[in-house]
Amino acid sequence: MTLKSTKSSAKTALSKSPLNSQKVKVPTKKNASNRHSQIEKEAYYLAEKASFQGDSLAYWLQAESSINKNIALK
């Protein structure tokens, strides 16, 4: 077996890989910043709706879940 045939068989194996057929969405720094801002606003509105009586972490987690669902639907 020559080096050339090894390279071509490796390329063939990689091109048939199921990972190559799936697009992976890598968040950019801008998208991450925007997501954080959306969560922050949503958490504030949830706390405001409850007259700021409650756990801020709970509001944050609820907002994060909501934003993550919205992003997944897009």
Protein backbone atom coordinates (compact mmCIF):
# COMPACT_ATOMS: atom_id res chain seq x y z
CA MET A 1 0.00 0.00 0.00
CA THR A 2 1.40 3.36 -0.89
CA LEU A 3 1.06 6.63 0.96
CA LYS A 4 -1.15 8.00 -1.80
CA SER A 5 -3.71 5.20 -1.49
CA THR A 6 -3.76 5.58 2.30
CA LYS A 7 -4.62 9.26 1.97
CA SER A 8 -7.42 8.58 -0.50
CA SER A 9 -8.93 5.84 1.69
CA ALA A 10 -8.78 8.17 4.69
CA LYS A 11 -10.56 10.89 2.71
CA THR A 12 -13.21 8.41 1.66
CA ALA A 13 -13.73 7.28 5.26
CA LEU A 14 -14.03 10.88 6.45
CA SER A 15 -16.46 11.86 3.73
CA LYS A 16 -18.77 9.00 4.74
CA SER A 17 -18.68 9.96 8.40
CA PRO A 18 -22.12 10.86 9.83
CA LEU A 19 -20.52 13.83 11.60
CA ASN A 20 -19.75 15.45 8.27
CA SER A 21 -23.42 15.40 7.32
CA GLN A 22 -24.48 17.27 10.46
CA LYS A 23 -23.99 20.98 10.76
CA VAL A 24 -22.74 22.01 14.16
CA LYS A 25 -23.71 25.51 15.20
CA VAL A 26 -20.89 27.04 17.19
CA PRO A 27 -21.98 30.10 19.16
CA THR A 28 -19.99 33.21 18.47
CA LYS A 29 -19.00 35.64 21.18
CA LYS A 30 -21.61 38.10 19.87
CA ASN A 31 -24.36 35.45 20.01
CA ALA A 32 -23.35 34.44 23.53
CA SER A 33 -23.44 38.06 24.63
CA ASN A 34 -26.86 38.53 23.04
CA ARG A 35 -28.16 35.36 24.72
CA HIS A 36 -26.91 36.56 28.09
CA SER A 37 -28.60 39.93 27.57
CA GLN A 38 -31.89 38.23 26.64
CA ILE A 39 -31.75 36.05 29.76
CA GLU A 40 -30.97 39.07 31.92
CA LYS A 41 -33.98 41.01 30.59
CA GLU A 42 -36.31 38.03 30.88
CA ALA A 43 -35.19 37.36 34.47
CA TYR A 44 -35.79 41.01 35.35
CA TYR A 45 -39.31 40.92 33.91
CA LEU A 46 -40.08 37.71 35.80
CA ALA A 47 -38.88 39.27 39.06
CA GLU A 48 -40.79 42.47 38.36
CA LYS A 49 -43.96 40.49 37.73
CA ALA A 50 -43.51 38.88 41.18
CA SER A 51 -42.86 42.30 42.79
CA PHE A 52 -39.24 41.27 43.31
CA GLN A 53 -40.35 38.82 46.00
CA GLY A 54 -38.41 35.62 45.44
CA ASP A 55 -35.12 34.05 44.57
CA SER A 56 -33.17 35.83 41.85
CA LEU A 57 -31.44 32.58 40.87
CA ALA A 58 -34.81 30.95 40.29
CA TYR A 59 -35.83 33.83 38.02
CA TRP A 60 -32.54 33.54 36.14
CA LEU A 61 -32.89 29.78 35.64
CA GLN A 62 -36.49 30.14 34.48
CA ALA A 63 -35.49 32.88 32.03
CA GLU A 64 -32.52 30.84 30.80
CA SER A 65 -34.76 27.86 30.13
CA SER A 66 -37.24 30.02 28.24
CA ILE A 67 -34.55 31.68 26.10
CA ASN A 68 -32.88 28.34 25.35
CA LYS A 69 -36.21 26.96 24.13
CA ASN A 70 -36.74 30.00 21.92
CA ILE A 71 -33.26 29.67 20.44
CA ALA A 72 -33.77 25.96 19.78
CA LEU A 73 -37.00 26.65 17.90
CA LYS A 74 -35.24 28.95 15.44
